[in-house]
Amino acid sequence: MKSIRYTILLAGIFLAICALKSAPAGIPGNPAPLAPKQPNIVVIMADDMGFSDIGCYGSEIPTPYIDGLASGGMRLSQFYNNARCCPTRASLLTGLYPHQAGIGGMAEDPENPTINDEGVDGYRGYLTKKSVTIAEVLKGAGYHTYMAGKWHVGMHGKEKWPLQRGFERYYGILCGASSYMHPFPPRGVTTDNSEMQFDFPADYYTTDAFGDNAVKWIREQKDNRPFFLYLAFNAPHWPLQAREEDIRQVQAVYQSGWDSLRHERLRKQLAMGLGKETWGLAEREMRPWNGLTEEEKKNEAYRMSVYAAQVYRMDLNVGKLISGLKQKGVLDNTLILFLSDNGACAEPYQELGGRPMAEINDPLKYGAISYGMGWTNVSNTPFRKYKTQTYEGGISTPLIAYWPGKIKANSWSSTPYHVIDLMATALDAAGTRYPATYNGNKIIPTEGISMLPAFQKGQGSRHEAIYWEHEGHCAMLQGNWKIVKPSIGGTWELYDLAQDRTERHNQALAHPEIVQEMNNKWQHWADTHQVFPKGKNYKDNTSNHPNKYAD
C-alpha cells in the first residue's frame, strides 16, 4: 500500500511540475491555454476608393504595401459594401444591415444634429443600443481595442463616441469629411473622449496622423493580450488634398487621359483573372478624353493626380502599420482585412469635378472638391455607376485577407460576401460568440457569415440572398441574379452577374417571374429590417406604408 501511495504522490508531483513549466511567464501557476493564442485582428478601411484603385485590382497607382498583403493572402472578387460611408461603417461595426443598426440613411451631421434623425430606429443617424460593436464583443473576450480614423456613426453626445462603444483608445474625426491638412470647426480631431482639436502643426495630414497613432498604441502595449485595431482612413474621400511630394510621384501618367487608363486597368484585371472578357466595360458617363480642350485635359489630369496621391499616401501608412507589427513581433499572428466603404465618388456629379481648381489643396476647404464623373468611371473599372447607387460600381469593393500560415498566399475567392460578414469572421477568429444581450439590451441577431472557412479552405457557406437600400437605391443578389432599382418609384432591372457583371443587359422583360419572386423577397426583407419610414429626406412621402416602394 505504501509503495502505491508513494507512486501516486510522485506522479502528482511530476504533473504539478509540468503544469508550472507550461504556465505563461509572469503568471505563476496559471494553466497553459488549451487553444492557440487568439490572433490580433486589424481592419483597414479606405474611404470612397474605387474597385480598381489599388495595384492588385488593376490600378497604375503605386500601392506596394497593400499589394503585398494581397500577394501574401487572399483577394475576394465579389465582396460588397452598402454604397455609402456611414451605412457601411454601421454594418462593419455591428454585423447588421445598416437600418437595423440605426443608420439606414445618413449619420448625424456636424452642423445640424437632428437633420438625419427620421424619428424611427432604422433612421436615427447613430448606432442604437439594439446593436453591439465588434469592439464591445472583443473587449469582453480579452482584447485590447483601438480605433484611428473616421467614425461617422454618431457624434452628438459622448454616449455615441468610440470609447462608449467598446474602444479603449481613439484618435480621429467623428464626422464624415474634414480638411486633411487643417481640420477646422466643427469638423475637428478628437483624442479618446477629449473635446475637438483645431490647432495643428504646419505639416499635419490626417492620413499620417491616423497611421501614426495606430502604430503608437501597438508599440506601447505592455501585455501580451491580443488587440483589435480598426484603422479607418478618410482617404481618398474629397476634398482633394495631398502632399506635393506624393503628387509628383504619380502625376505624369494621367496626361494620357481616362479612356486609355480605363482600358489599361481592364487589361490588367483580365490578366490576373479578375472578371471576364465577355463582360466588357460598363457604359461610359463622360466625353472621350480627346473631346476635351487642352486646358480641360491639364486640369483633369491634375485632379486625378491629387486623388492618386491620396491613395498612395494611404498605402504608405499601411506599410508603416505592417512595419510596426513586424517590429512588435506579432505580424504572424495577425489577421488583416482591407476594404473600401463604397465605390468611387462622383460628387458633385459633374464630368469635370465641378469645384474651382483653386480650392484643391486649400487647407481651409473641405467640401466636395472632387475629381468628377470621368475619373470615377476609371476608379470603378469595369463596373457601372458609383457611390450611393446599388449598381456594382457603388457596392463593390476589394477585400484582401492576410494571415500568415493560415491563408494561402496569392489566392482568390469568388464567393459573394458582404460587409455584415466581418463581425462574424472576427468573432470566429477570436473564438468568441455574438451575444444575445449586451449591457441589459436585447441585441438584434446578426445575419453575417464567417468567411474564415473560405479564407482557409477556399470555400465556405454563402448567403441565400444579400440585400441593399440607400436613399431609394435598392438591390438584391440571389445566386447569379441581381435586381436593381435606381430610385424610389423606379422599376426593377435584372442582371445575370455571371455573364454580365457590368450590368449592360437588362433581363427584366425576359424573366418577369424571377423579378417578381425576388421583389417579394426583397419586400419581406424591407418590412422586417426597418427599411423605409415616411422620412423627410425622401421625395415621395405620399404614404407611410413600405409597399409604396414595391412594384
Protein backbone atom coordinates (compact mmCIF):
# COMPACT_ATOMS: atom_id res chain seq x y z
CA MET A 1 0.00 0.00 0.00
CA LYS A 2 2.83 2.38 0.93
CA SER A 3 4.51 1.79 -2.44
CA ILE A 4 1.23 2.51 -4.26
CA ARG A 5 0.69 5.74 -2.31
CA TYR A 6 4.31 6.71 -2.93
CA THR A 7 3.91 6.10 -6.67
CA ILE A 8 0.73 8.21 -6.75
CA LEU A 9 2.48 11.00 -4.83
CA LEU A 10 5.42 11.02 -7.27
CA ALA A 11 3.03 11.10 -10.23
CA GLY A 12 1.18 14.04 -8.69
CA ILE A 13 4.40 15.95 -8.10
CA PHE A 14 5.50 15.26 -11.68
CA LEU A 15 2.21 16.56 -13.12
CA ALA A 16 2.35 19.67 -10.94
CA ILE A 17 5.90 20.44 -12.12
CA CYS A 18 4.80 20.02 -15.76
CA ALA A 19 1.87 22.36 -15.19
CA LEU A 20 4.11 25.02 -13.66
CA LYS A 21 6.60 24.73 -16.53
CA SER A 22 3.84 25.23 -19.07
CA ALA A 23 2.41 28.33 -17.35
CA PRO A 24 2.93 31.62 -19.20
CA ALA A 25 5.77 33.73 -17.85
CA GLY A 26 4.71 36.24 -15.20
CA ILE A 27 1.58 34.28 -14.20
CA PRO A 28 2.83 31.63 -11.72
CA GLY A 29 0.68 28.55 -11.59
CA ASN A 30 -1.65 29.66 -14.41
CA PRO A 31 -2.54 26.60 -16.54
CA ALA A 32 -1.44 26.60 -20.16
CA PRO A 33 -4.20 27.58 -22.59
CA LEU A 34 -5.91 24.67 -24.30
CA ALA A 35 -6.35 26.61 -27.57
CA PRO A 36 -3.81 28.56 -29.67
CA LYS A 37 -3.31 32.20 -28.77
CA GLN A 38 -6.08 34.42 -30.06
CA PRO A 39 -4.94 36.34 -33.13
CA ASN A 40 -4.72 40.08 -33.36
CA ILE A 41 -7.34 41.42 -35.78
CA VAL A 42 -6.80 44.52 -37.94
CA VAL A 43 -9.48 46.01 -40.19
CA ILE A 44 -8.25 48.71 -42.58
CA MET A 45 -10.88 50.72 -44.43
CA ALA A 46 -10.35 53.14 -47.30
CA ASP A 47 -12.89 55.91 -47.88
CA ASP A 48 -14.56 56.41 -51.29
CA MET A 49 -11.92 54.30 -53.03
CA GLY A 50 -12.99 52.61 -56.26
CA PHE A 51 -12.84 48.89 -57.04
CA SER A 52 -9.76 49.20 -59.28
CA ASP A 53 -7.81 51.90 -57.39
CA ILE A 54 -5.11 49.63 -55.94
CA GLY A 55 -2.46 47.82 -57.95
CA CYS A 56 -3.61 44.30 -57.08
CA TYR A 57 -7.04 45.09 -58.57
CA GLY A 58 -5.69 46.72 -61.73
CA SER A 59 -4.53 50.24 -60.86
CA GLU A 60 -1.49 52.17 -62.02
CA ILE A 61 -1.38 53.94 -58.61
CA PRO A 62 1.65 52.62 -56.69
CA THR A 63 0.29 50.66 -53.70
CA PRO A 64 3.12 48.19 -52.91
CA TYR A 65 2.19 47.56 -49.28
CA ILE A 66 -1.48 46.79 -49.93
CA ASP A 67 -0.40 44.70 -52.93
CA GLY A 68 1.97 42.84 -50.60
CA LEU A 69 -0.94 41.87 -48.37
CA ALA A 70 -2.72 40.55 -51.46
CA SER A 71 0.27 38.53 -52.70
CA GLY A 72 0.67 37.07 -49.22
CA GLY A 73 -3.04 36.37 -48.73
CA MET A 74 -6.41 36.14 -50.45
CA ARG A 75 -8.30 38.55 -52.69
CA LEU A 76 -12.08 38.41 -53.00
CA SER A 77 -13.52 39.28 -56.39
CA GLN A 78 -17.13 39.76 -55.22
CA PHE A 79 -17.25 41.48 -51.86
CA TYR A 80 -19.93 44.08 -51.17
CA ASN A 81 -20.42 47.19 -49.04
CA ASN A 82 -23.52 49.37 -48.52
CA ALA A 83 -22.85 52.01 -51.21
CA ARG A 84 -22.05 54.84 -48.79
CA CYS A 85 -19.70 55.72 -45.93
CA CYS A 86 -21.86 55.65 -42.82
CA PRO A 87 -24.18 52.70 -43.65
CA THR A 88 -21.13 50.56 -44.45
CA ARG A 89 -19.41 51.56 -41.22
CA ALA A 90 -22.54 50.73 -39.26
CA SER A 91 -22.62 47.24 -40.77
CA LEU A 92 -18.88 46.68 -40.32
CA LEU A 93 -19.05 47.58 -36.64
CA THR A 94 -22.25 45.71 -35.78
CA GLY A 95 -22.70 42.82 -38.22
CA LEU A 96 -26.18 44.14 -39.01
CA TYR A 97 -27.79 45.65 -42.06
CA PRO A 98 -27.46 49.43 -41.62
CA HIS A 99 -31.14 50.11 -40.91
CA GLN A 100 -31.05 47.58 -38.06
CA ALA A 101 -28.12 49.46 -36.55
CA GLY A 102 -29.86 52.85 -36.85
CA ILE A 103 -28.15 54.28 -39.95
CA GLY A 104 -30.37 53.42 -42.90
CA GLY A 105 -29.79 56.94 -44.24
CA MET A 106 -27.00 59.29 -43.20
CA ALA A 107 -25.16 59.67 -39.91
CA GLU A 108 -25.51 62.74 -37.70
CA ASP A 109 -24.41 65.97 -39.34
CA PRO A 110 -21.85 68.20 -37.58
CA GLU A 111 -23.70 71.43 -38.40
CA ASN A 112 -27.26 70.13 -37.87
CA PRO A 113 -27.59 67.47 -35.12
CA THR A 114 -31.14 66.37 -35.94
CA ILE A 115 -31.39 66.60 -39.74
CA ASN A 116 -30.71 62.88 -40.28
CA ASP A 117 -32.89 61.57 -37.42
CA GLU A 118 -36.14 60.37 -39.02
CA GLY A 119 -37.74 59.56 -35.67
CA VAL A 120 -37.65 55.77 -36.14
CA ASP A 121 -34.99 53.23 -35.16
CA GLY A 122 -33.88 52.49 -38.73
CA TYR A 123 -33.00 56.11 -39.41
CA ARG A 124 -31.53 57.65 -36.24
CA GLY A 125 -28.16 58.70 -37.62
CA TYR A 126 -26.23 56.87 -34.88
CA LEU A 127 -25.71 53.31 -33.64
CA THR A 128 -28.65 52.27 -31.49
CA LYS A 129 -28.45 50.26 -28.27
CA LYS A 130 -30.04 47.31 -30.06
CA SER A 131 -26.68 46.77 -31.75
CA VAL A 132 -23.35 45.64 -30.30
CA THR A 133 -20.00 46.55 -31.86
CA ILE A 134 -17.03 44.31 -32.71
CA ALA A 135 -15.03 46.29 -30.18
CA GLU A 136 -17.57 45.65 -27.42
CA VAL A 137 -17.63 41.91 -28.07
CA LEU A 138 -13.87 41.50 -28.48
CA LYS A 139 -13.15 43.62 -25.42
CA GLY A 140 -15.25 41.16 -23.45
CA ALA A 141 -13.18 38.33 -24.95
CA GLY A 142 -9.95 39.78 -23.57
CA TYR A 143 -8.88 42.03 -26.46
CA HIS A 144 -7.42 45.50 -26.36
CA THR A 145 -9.46 47.65 -28.74
CA TYR A 146 -8.07 50.58 -30.72
CA MET A 147 -9.51 52.82 -33.42
CA ALA A 148 -7.91 55.53 -35.54
CA GLY A 149 -9.65 57.50 -38.28
CA LYS A 150 -13.17 58.28 -39.41
CA TRP A 151 -16.04 57.25 -37.08
CA HIS A 152 -19.16 58.62 -38.88
CA VAL A 153 -21.77 56.63 -36.94
CA GLY A 154 -22.89 59.25 -34.39
CA MET A 155 -21.22 62.30 -32.83
CA HIS A 156 -23.65 64.48 -30.84
CA GLY A 157 -23.37 63.19 -27.28
CA LYS A 158 -20.38 61.26 -26.00
CA GLU A 159 -22.51 58.16 -25.44
CA LYS A 160 -22.25 57.71 -29.23
CA TRP A 161 -18.47 58.05 -29.39
CA PRO A 162 -15.95 55.23 -29.92
CA LEU A 163 -14.88 54.86 -26.27
CA GLN A 164 -18.51 54.47 -25.26
CA ARG A 165 -18.93 51.77 -27.93
CA GLY A 166 -16.10 49.46 -26.86
CA PHE A 167 -12.83 51.10 -27.90
CA GLU A 168 -10.05 51.77 -25.36
CA ARG A 169 -8.23 54.32 -27.50
CA TYR A 170 -9.44 56.59 -30.28
CA TYR A 171 -7.90 59.28 -32.46
CA GLY A 172 -9.74 60.68 -35.45
CA ILE A 173 -12.66 62.60 -36.91
CA LEU A 174 -16.19 61.84 -35.74
CA CYS A 175 -17.83 63.31 -38.86
CA GLY A 176 -17.87 62.20 -42.49
CA ALA A 177 -15.37 64.64 -44.02
CA SER A 178 -12.88 67.29 -43.00
CA SER A 179 -9.77 69.05 -44.23
CA TYR A 180 -6.80 66.67 -44.39
CA MET A 181 -4.36 69.47 -43.60
CA HIS A 182 -6.19 71.55 -41.01
CA PRO A 183 -9.46 70.09 -39.67
CA PHE A 184 -11.44 73.16 -38.66
CA PRO A 185 -14.72 73.74 -36.74
CA PRO A 186 -16.97 71.86 -36.41
CA ARG A 187 -15.01 69.04 -38.08
CA GLY A 188 -12.01 68.68 -35.80
CA VAL A 189 -9.97 65.80 -34.41
CA THR A 190 -10.76 64.03 -31.15
CA THR A 191 -8.40 62.02 -28.95
CA ASP A 192 -10.23 59.48 -26.77
CA ASN A 193 -13.01 61.50 -25.08
CA SER A 194 -11.36 64.90 -25.41
CA GLU A 195 -13.04 67.91 -26.93
CA MET A 196 -12.28 68.53 -30.60
CA GLN A 197 -8.87 69.87 -31.54
CA PHE A 198 -8.49 72.52 -34.24
CA ASP A 199 -4.83 73.54 -33.83
CA PHE A 200 -2.29 71.57 -35.88
CA PRO A 201 1.35 71.82 -36.99
CA ALA A 202 2.12 73.05 -40.49
CA ASP A 203 2.91 69.58 -41.86
CA TYR A 204 -0.20 67.92 -40.39
CA TYR A 205 -2.01 65.40 -42.60
CA THR A 206 -4.86 63.22 -41.33
CA THR A 207 -3.78 60.04 -43.14
CA ASP A 208 -0.36 60.18 -41.47
CA ALA A 209 -1.81 61.10 -38.09
CA PHE A 210 -4.20 58.14 -38.15
CA GLY A 211 -1.42 55.74 -39.11
CA ASP A 212 0.98 57.16 -36.51
CA ASN A 213 -1.49 56.77 -33.65
CA ALA A 214 -2.38 53.20 -34.62
CA VAL A 215 1.28 52.17 -34.65
CA LYS A 216 1.94 54.02 -31.37
CA TRP A 217 -0.78 52.13 -29.49
CA ILE A 218 0.51 48.78 -30.70
CA ARG A 219 4.08 49.71 -29.79
CA GLU A 220 3.06 50.96 -26.33
CA GLN A 221 1.00 47.90 -25.40
CA LYS A 222 2.72 46.32 -22.39
CA ASP A 223 0.97 42.97 -22.04
CA ASN A 224 0.59 40.04 -24.41
CA ARG A 225 -3.17 40.26 -24.79
CA PRO A 226 -4.45 40.27 -28.38
CA PHE A 227 -5.68 43.52 -29.88
CA PHE A 228 -8.33 44.62 -32.34
CA LEU A 229 -7.44 47.64 -34.47
CA TYR A 230 -9.89 49.45 -36.72
CA LEU A 231 -7.92 51.83 -38.94
CA ALA A 232 -10.48 53.87 -40.90
CA PHE A 233 -8.71 56.24 -43.26
CA ASN A 234 -10.56 59.24 -44.69
CA ALA A 235 -8.52 58.86 -47.90
CA PRO A 236 -9.25 59.24 -50.75
CA HIS A 237 -12.60 60.91 -49.88
CA TRP A 238 -12.86 64.53 -51.01
CA PRO A 239 -11.57 67.23 -50.59
CA LEU A 240 -8.66 66.81 -53.00
CA GLN A 241 -5.73 67.47 -50.67
CA ALA A 242 -2.38 65.71 -50.95
CA ARG A 243 1.26 66.25 -50.13
CA GLU A 244 3.16 67.82 -53.01
CA GLU A 245 5.85 65.14 -52.97
CA ASP A 246 3.17 62.49 -53.39
CA ILE A 247 1.54 64.32 -56.31
CA ARG A 248 4.91 64.44 -58.06
CA GLN A 249 5.23 60.67 -57.63
CA VAL A 250 2.11 59.94 -59.67
CA GLN A 251 1.11 62.85 -61.88
CA ALA A 252 2.87 62.07 -65.17
CA VAL A 253 0.71 59.07 -66.04
CA TYR A 254 -2.61 60.93 -66.04
CA GLN A 255 -1.82 63.09 -69.05
CA SER A 256 -2.85 60.10 -71.17
CA GLY A 257 -6.45 60.54 -70.03
CA TRP A 258 -9.30 58.48 -68.69
CA ASP A 259 -10.03 56.43 -71.83
CA SER A 260 -6.60 54.81 -72.11
CA LEU A 261 -6.28 54.27 -68.36
CA ARG A 262 -9.70 52.66 -68.08
CA HIS A 263 -8.81 50.16 -70.79
CA GLU A 264 -5.37 49.56 -69.28
CA ARG A 265 -6.92 48.76 -65.90
CA LEU A 266 -9.32 46.34 -67.57
CA ARG A 267 -6.41 44.67 -69.37
CA LYS A 268 -4.61 44.13 -66.05
CA GLN A 269 -7.76 42.79 -64.39
CA LEU A 270 -8.29 40.24 -67.13
CA ALA A 271 -4.63 39.20 -66.99
CA MET A 272 -4.91 38.48 -63.26
CA GLY A 273 -8.18 36.54 -63.71
CA LEU A 274 -10.37 39.24 -62.20
CA GLY A 275 -13.52 39.25 -64.33
CA LYS A 276 -14.39 38.02 -67.79
CA GLU A 277 -13.60 39.47 -71.18
CA THR A 278 -17.24 38.99 -72.23
CA TRP A 279 -18.35 41.47 -69.54
CA GLY A 280 -16.65 44.34 -71.33
CA LEU A 281 -16.76 47.80 -69.77
CA ALA A 282 -19.84 49.41 -68.27
CA GLU A 283 -21.40 52.28 -70.18
CA ARG A 284 -19.28 55.43 -70.18
CA GLU A 285 -20.52 58.59 -68.47
CA MET A 286 -18.06 61.10 -69.85
CA ARG A 287 -16.88 62.61 -73.10
CA PRO A 288 -13.95 60.96 -74.87
CA TRP A 289 -10.68 62.35 -73.50
CA ASN A 290 -9.86 63.69 -76.95
CA GLY A 291 -13.07 65.72 -76.85
CA LEU A 292 -11.70 67.90 -74.03
CA THR A 293 -9.83 71.13 -74.59
CA GLU A 294 -6.13 71.23 -73.73
CA GLU A 295 -6.90 73.32 -70.64
CA GLU A 296 -9.53 70.82 -69.53
CA LYS A 297 -7.09 67.93 -70.04
CA LYS A 298 -4.46 69.70 -67.94
CA ASN A 299 -6.88 70.42 -65.11
CA GLU A 300 -8.48 66.97 -65.08
CA ALA A 301 -5.12 65.21 -65.17
CA TYR A 302 -4.09 67.24 -62.12
CA ARG A 303 -7.30 66.38 -60.25
CA MET A 304 -6.65 62.67 -60.77
CA SER A 305 -3.03 63.13 -59.73
CA VAL A 306 -4.12 64.54 -56.37
CA TYR A 307 -6.62 61.72 -55.89
CA ALA A 308 -3.97 59.12 -56.74
CA ALA A 309 -1.56 60.79 -54.32
CA GLN A 310 -4.14 60.40 -51.54
CA VAL A 311 -4.33 56.65 -52.26
CA TYR A 312 -0.52 56.48 -52.42
CA ARG A 313 -0.16 58.17 -49.01
CA MET A 314 -2.71 55.76 -47.52
CA ASP A 315 -0.65 52.84 -48.81
CA LEU A 316 2.49 54.29 -47.20
CA ASN A 317 0.68 54.26 -43.87
CA VAL A 318 -0.43 50.66 -44.40
CA GLY A 319 3.27 49.95 -44.84
CA LYS A 320 4.01 51.83 -41.63
CA LEU A 321 1.50 49.65 -39.80
CA ILE A 322 2.92 46.41 -41.23
CA SER A 323 6.40 47.51 -40.15
CA GLY A 324 5.10 48.25 -36.66
CA LEU A 325 3.52 44.79 -36.42
CA LYS A 326 6.80 43.20 -37.52
CA GLN A 327 8.84 45.19 -35.00
CA LYS A 328 6.43 44.16 -32.26
CA GLY A 329 6.84 40.53 -33.37
CA VAL A 330 3.11 39.97 -33.85
CA LEU A 331 2.58 40.08 -37.63
CA ASP A 332 2.48 36.30 -38.00
CA ASN A 333 -0.40 36.08 -35.52
CA THR A 334 -2.45 38.91 -37.04
CA LEU A 335 -5.45 38.69 -39.35
CA ILE A 336 -5.51 41.80 -41.57
CA LEU A 337 -8.57 42.74 -43.64
CA PHE A 338 -8.51 45.61 -46.15
CA LEU A 339 -11.58 47.06 -47.93
CA SER A 340 -13.32 50.26 -49.06
CA ASP A 341 -16.58 51.64 -47.70
CA ASN A 342 -18.22 52.21 -51.11
CA GLY A 343 -17.43 52.64 -54.78
CA ALA A 344 -15.66 55.71 -56.08
CA CYS A 345 -17.45 59.02 -55.57
CA ALA A 346 -18.84 61.07 -58.47
CA GLU A 347 -19.90 64.03 -56.29
CA PRO A 348 -20.71 66.76 -57.24
CA TYR A 349 -21.91 64.75 -60.26
CA GLN A 350 -20.18 66.79 -62.93
CA GLU A 351 -17.88 65.40 -65.55
CA LEU A 352 -15.01 67.76 -64.75
CA GLY A 353 -15.02 67.87 -60.96
CA GLY A 354 -17.20 70.95 -60.56
CA ARG A 355 -15.48 72.98 -57.84
CA PRO A 356 -12.78 75.51 -58.83
CA MET A 357 -9.19 74.35 -59.27
CA ALA A 358 -8.08 76.97 -56.73
CA GLU A 359 -9.83 75.03 -53.96
CA ILE A 360 -7.62 71.95 -54.47
CA ASN A 361 -5.09 71.67 -51.63
CA ASP A 362 -6.62 74.61 -49.79
CA PRO A 363 -6.45 73.51 -46.12
CA LEU A 364 -9.44 75.67 -45.21
CA LYS A 365 -11.81 73.89 -47.59
CA TYR A 366 -13.48 70.53 -47.00
CA GLY A 367 -16.43 70.43 -49.45
CA ALA A 368 -16.93 68.20 -52.50
CA ILE A 369 -13.71 69.28 -54.20
CA SER A 370 -13.55 66.17 -56.29
CA TYR A 371 -12.18 64.57 -59.45
CA GLY A 372 -15.51 64.26 -61.27
CA MET A 373 -17.50 61.57 -63.01
CA GLY A 374 -14.94 60.93 -65.73
CA TRP A 375 -12.28 59.66 -63.35
CA THR A 376 -14.91 57.93 -61.19
CA ASN A 377 -15.62 55.63 -64.13
CA VAL A 378 -11.92 54.77 -64.19
CA SER A 379 -11.79 54.11 -60.44
CA ASN A 380 -14.74 51.69 -60.66
CA THR A 381 -13.42 49.78 -63.70
CA PRO A 382 -15.10 47.72 -65.08
CA PHE A 383 -18.35 48.39 -63.25
CA ARG A 384 -21.35 50.67 -63.69
CA LYS A 385 -22.15 53.82 -61.67
CA TYR A 386 -20.66 54.94 -58.35
CA LYS A 387 -21.12 55.69 -54.64
CA THR A 388 -24.72 55.89 -53.28
CA GLN A 389 -26.06 53.72 -56.12
CA THR A 390 -26.59 49.97 -55.84
CA TYR A 391 -25.18 49.08 -59.24
CA GLU A 392 -21.90 47.18 -58.98
CA GLY A 393 -19.84 50.37 -59.16
CA GLY A 394 -21.49 51.63 -55.98
CA ILE A 395 -21.37 48.48 -53.84
CA SER A 396 -18.29 46.53 -54.97
CA THR A 397 -15.06 46.76 -53.02
CA PRO A 398 -11.75 44.94 -52.95
CA LEU A 399 -11.36 42.72 -49.91
CA ILE A 400 -7.91 41.45 -49.02
CA ALA A 401 -7.47 38.90 -46.22
CA TYR A 402 -3.95 38.32 -44.89
CA TRP A 403 -2.95 35.90 -42.12
CA PRO A 404 0.48 34.23 -42.47
CA GLY A 405 0.30 30.45 -42.32
CA LYS A 406 -3.50 30.48 -42.15
CA ILE A 407 -4.49 31.95 -45.52
CA LYS A 408 -2.90 30.69 -48.73
CA ALA A 409 -0.69 33.25 -50.43
CA ASN A 410 -1.80 34.82 -53.73
CA SER A 411 -5.19 33.09 -53.63
CA TRP A 412 -8.61 34.21 -54.85
CA SER A 413 -12.21 33.63 -53.79
CA SER A 414 -15.23 34.40 -55.97
CA THR A 415 -17.84 33.61 -53.29
CA PRO A 416 -20.04 36.69 -52.72
CA TYR A 417 -19.76 38.11 -49.21
CA HIS A 418 -20.97 41.32 -47.57
CA VAL A 419 -19.65 43.77 -45.01
CA ILE A 420 -22.04 42.32 -42.39
CA ASP A 421 -19.79 39.23 -42.52
CA LEU A 422 -16.80 41.00 -40.96
CA MET A 423 -18.27 40.77 -37.46
CA ALA A 424 -18.89 37.01 -37.73
CA THR A 425 -15.41 36.50 -39.21
CA ALA A 426 -13.66 38.47 -36.46
CA LEU A 427 -15.53 36.65 -33.69
CA ASP A 428 -14.81 33.28 -35.30
CA ALA A 429 -11.10 34.10 -35.45
CA ALA A 430 -11.15 35.22 -31.82
CA GLY A 431 -13.04 32.13 -30.66
CA THR A 432 -15.93 34.05 -29.16
CA ARG A 433 -19.65 34.42 -29.84
CA TYR A 434 -22.08 37.12 -30.85
CA PRO A 435 -24.21 37.97 -27.79
CA ALA A 436 -27.99 37.87 -27.47
CA THR A 437 -27.88 40.73 -24.94
CA TYR A 438 -25.38 43.45 -24.06
CA ASN A 439 -25.48 45.94 -21.19
CA GLY A 440 -29.04 44.91 -20.44
CA ASN A 441 -30.21 45.47 -24.03
CA LYS A 442 -31.59 42.75 -26.29
CA ILE A 443 -29.37 42.70 -29.38
CA ILE A 444 -30.68 42.19 -32.92
CA PRO A 445 -29.22 38.89 -34.24
CA THR A 446 -26.58 39.16 -36.94
CA GLU A 447 -27.12 37.56 -40.33
CA GLY A 448 -23.41 37.64 -41.07
CA ILE A 449 -21.46 34.55 -42.09
CA SER A 450 -17.87 33.80 -41.04
CA MET A 451 -15.54 33.96 -44.02
CA LEU A 452 -12.77 32.02 -42.25
CA PRO A 453 -13.60 28.72 -43.99
CA ALA A 454 -13.38 30.47 -47.35
CA PHE A 455 -10.13 32.15 -46.31
CA GLN A 456 -8.51 28.96 -45.03
CA LYS A 457 -10.06 26.20 -47.17
CA GLY A 458 -11.03 28.08 -50.31
CA GLN A 459 -14.76 27.61 -49.83
CA GLY A 460 -17.38 28.25 -47.17
CA SER A 461 -21.04 28.98 -46.58
CA ARG A 462 -22.69 31.65 -48.68
CA HIS A 463 -25.76 33.83 -48.31
CA GLU A 464 -29.07 32.71 -49.73
CA ALA A 465 -29.54 36.37 -50.64
CA ILE A 466 -27.94 39.78 -49.95
CA TYR A 467 -29.98 43.00 -49.80
CA TRP A 468 -29.44 46.74 -50.21
CA GLU A 469 -31.31 50.02 -49.80
CA HIS A 470 -29.90 53.51 -49.51
CA GLU A 471 -31.90 56.68 -50.15
CA GLY A 472 -34.21 54.83 -52.52
CA HIS A 473 -31.47 52.89 -54.36
CA CYS A 474 -32.41 49.21 -53.96
CA ALA A 475 -30.89 45.86 -54.90
CA MET A 476 -30.89 42.17 -54.11
CA LEU A 477 -28.46 39.41 -55.06
CA GLN A 478 -29.63 35.78 -55.18
CA GLY A 479 -27.30 33.31 -56.81
CA ASN A 480 -26.14 34.96 -60.03
CA TRP A 481 -29.31 37.05 -60.39
CA LYS A 482 -29.35 40.63 -59.22
CA ILE A 483 -32.27 43.05 -59.23
CA VAL A 484 -31.59 46.80 -59.08
CA LYS A 485 -33.96 49.71 -58.65
CA PRO A 486 -32.22 53.06 -59.15
CA SER A 487 -34.76 55.27 -57.36
CA ILE A 488 -37.99 55.42 -55.36
CA GLY A 489 -40.84 54.68 -57.72
CA GLY A 490 -38.43 53.18 -60.26
CA THR A 491 -38.70 49.80 -61.94
CA TRP A 492 -36.62 46.74 -61.11
CA GLU A 493 -33.86 45.84 -63.56
CA LEU A 494 -32.49 42.29 -63.70
CA TYR A 495 -28.94 41.18 -64.44
CA ASP A 496 -27.18 37.83 -64.63
CA LEU A 497 -23.89 38.72 -62.95
CA ALA A 498 -22.17 35.52 -64.06
CA GLN A 499 -22.50 36.67 -67.65
CA ASP A 500 -22.88 40.43 -67.23
CA ARG A 501 -21.42 41.88 -64.05
CA THR A 502 -21.02 45.23 -65.79
CA GLU A 503 -24.85 45.38 -65.92
CA ARG A 504 -25.21 46.21 -69.58
CA HIS A 505 -28.06 43.84 -70.48
CA ASN A 506 -31.29 44.21 -68.52
CA GLN A 507 -33.13 40.85 -68.44
CA ALA A 508 -36.27 42.02 -66.61
CA LEU A 509 -38.62 41.76 -69.59
CA ALA A 510 -37.31 38.31 -70.50
CA HIS A 511 -37.71 36.92 -66.96
CA PRO A 512 -40.64 38.63 -65.22
CA GLU A 513 -41.16 35.62 -62.95
CA ILE A 514 -37.64 35.98 -61.50
CA VAL A 515 -38.18 39.69 -60.95
CA GLN A 516 -41.47 39.06 -59.14
CA GLU A 517 -40.03 36.34 -56.92
CA MET A 518 -37.05 38.48 -55.97
CA ASN A 519 -39.22 41.56 -55.47
CA ASN A 520 -41.36 39.63 -52.97
CA LYS A 521 -38.27 38.51 -51.03
CA TRP A 522 -36.77 41.99 -51.10
CA GLN A 523 -40.04 43.47 -49.83
CA HIS A 524 -40.17 40.98 -46.96
CA TRP A 525 -36.62 41.94 -46.06
CA ALA A 526 -37.52 45.64 -46.13
CA ASP A 527 -40.59 45.09 -43.97
CA THR A 528 -38.59 43.15 -41.36
CA HIS A 529 -35.38 45.23 -41.30
CA GLN A 530 -36.68 48.73 -40.51
CA VAL A 531 -36.39 49.95 -44.10
CA PHE A 532 -38.33 52.95 -45.44
CA PRO A 533 -40.04 55.19 -42.95
CA LYS A 534 -42.05 58.19 -44.06
CA GLY A 535 -38.88 60.23 -43.93
CA LYS A 536 -38.41 63.93 -44.52
CA ASN A 537 -35.36 63.16 -46.65
CA TYR A 538 -37.38 61.18 -49.18
CA LYS A 539 -39.08 62.88 -52.10
CA ASP A 540 -42.09 60.56 -52.17
CA ASN A 541 -43.92 60.90 -48.86
CA THR A 542 -47.42 60.12 -50.07
CA SER A 543 -47.73 57.01 -47.94
CA ASN A 544 -46.31 55.63 -44.73
CA HIS A 545 -46.56 52.03 -45.92
CA PRO A 546 -43.40 50.27 -47.15
CA ASN A 547 -45.24 48.70 -50.09
CA LYS A 548 -45.27 52.03 -51.88
CA TYR A 549 -41.69 51.18 -52.87
CA ALA A 550 -42.56 47.78 -54.36
CA ASP A 551 -43.56 47.08 -57.94
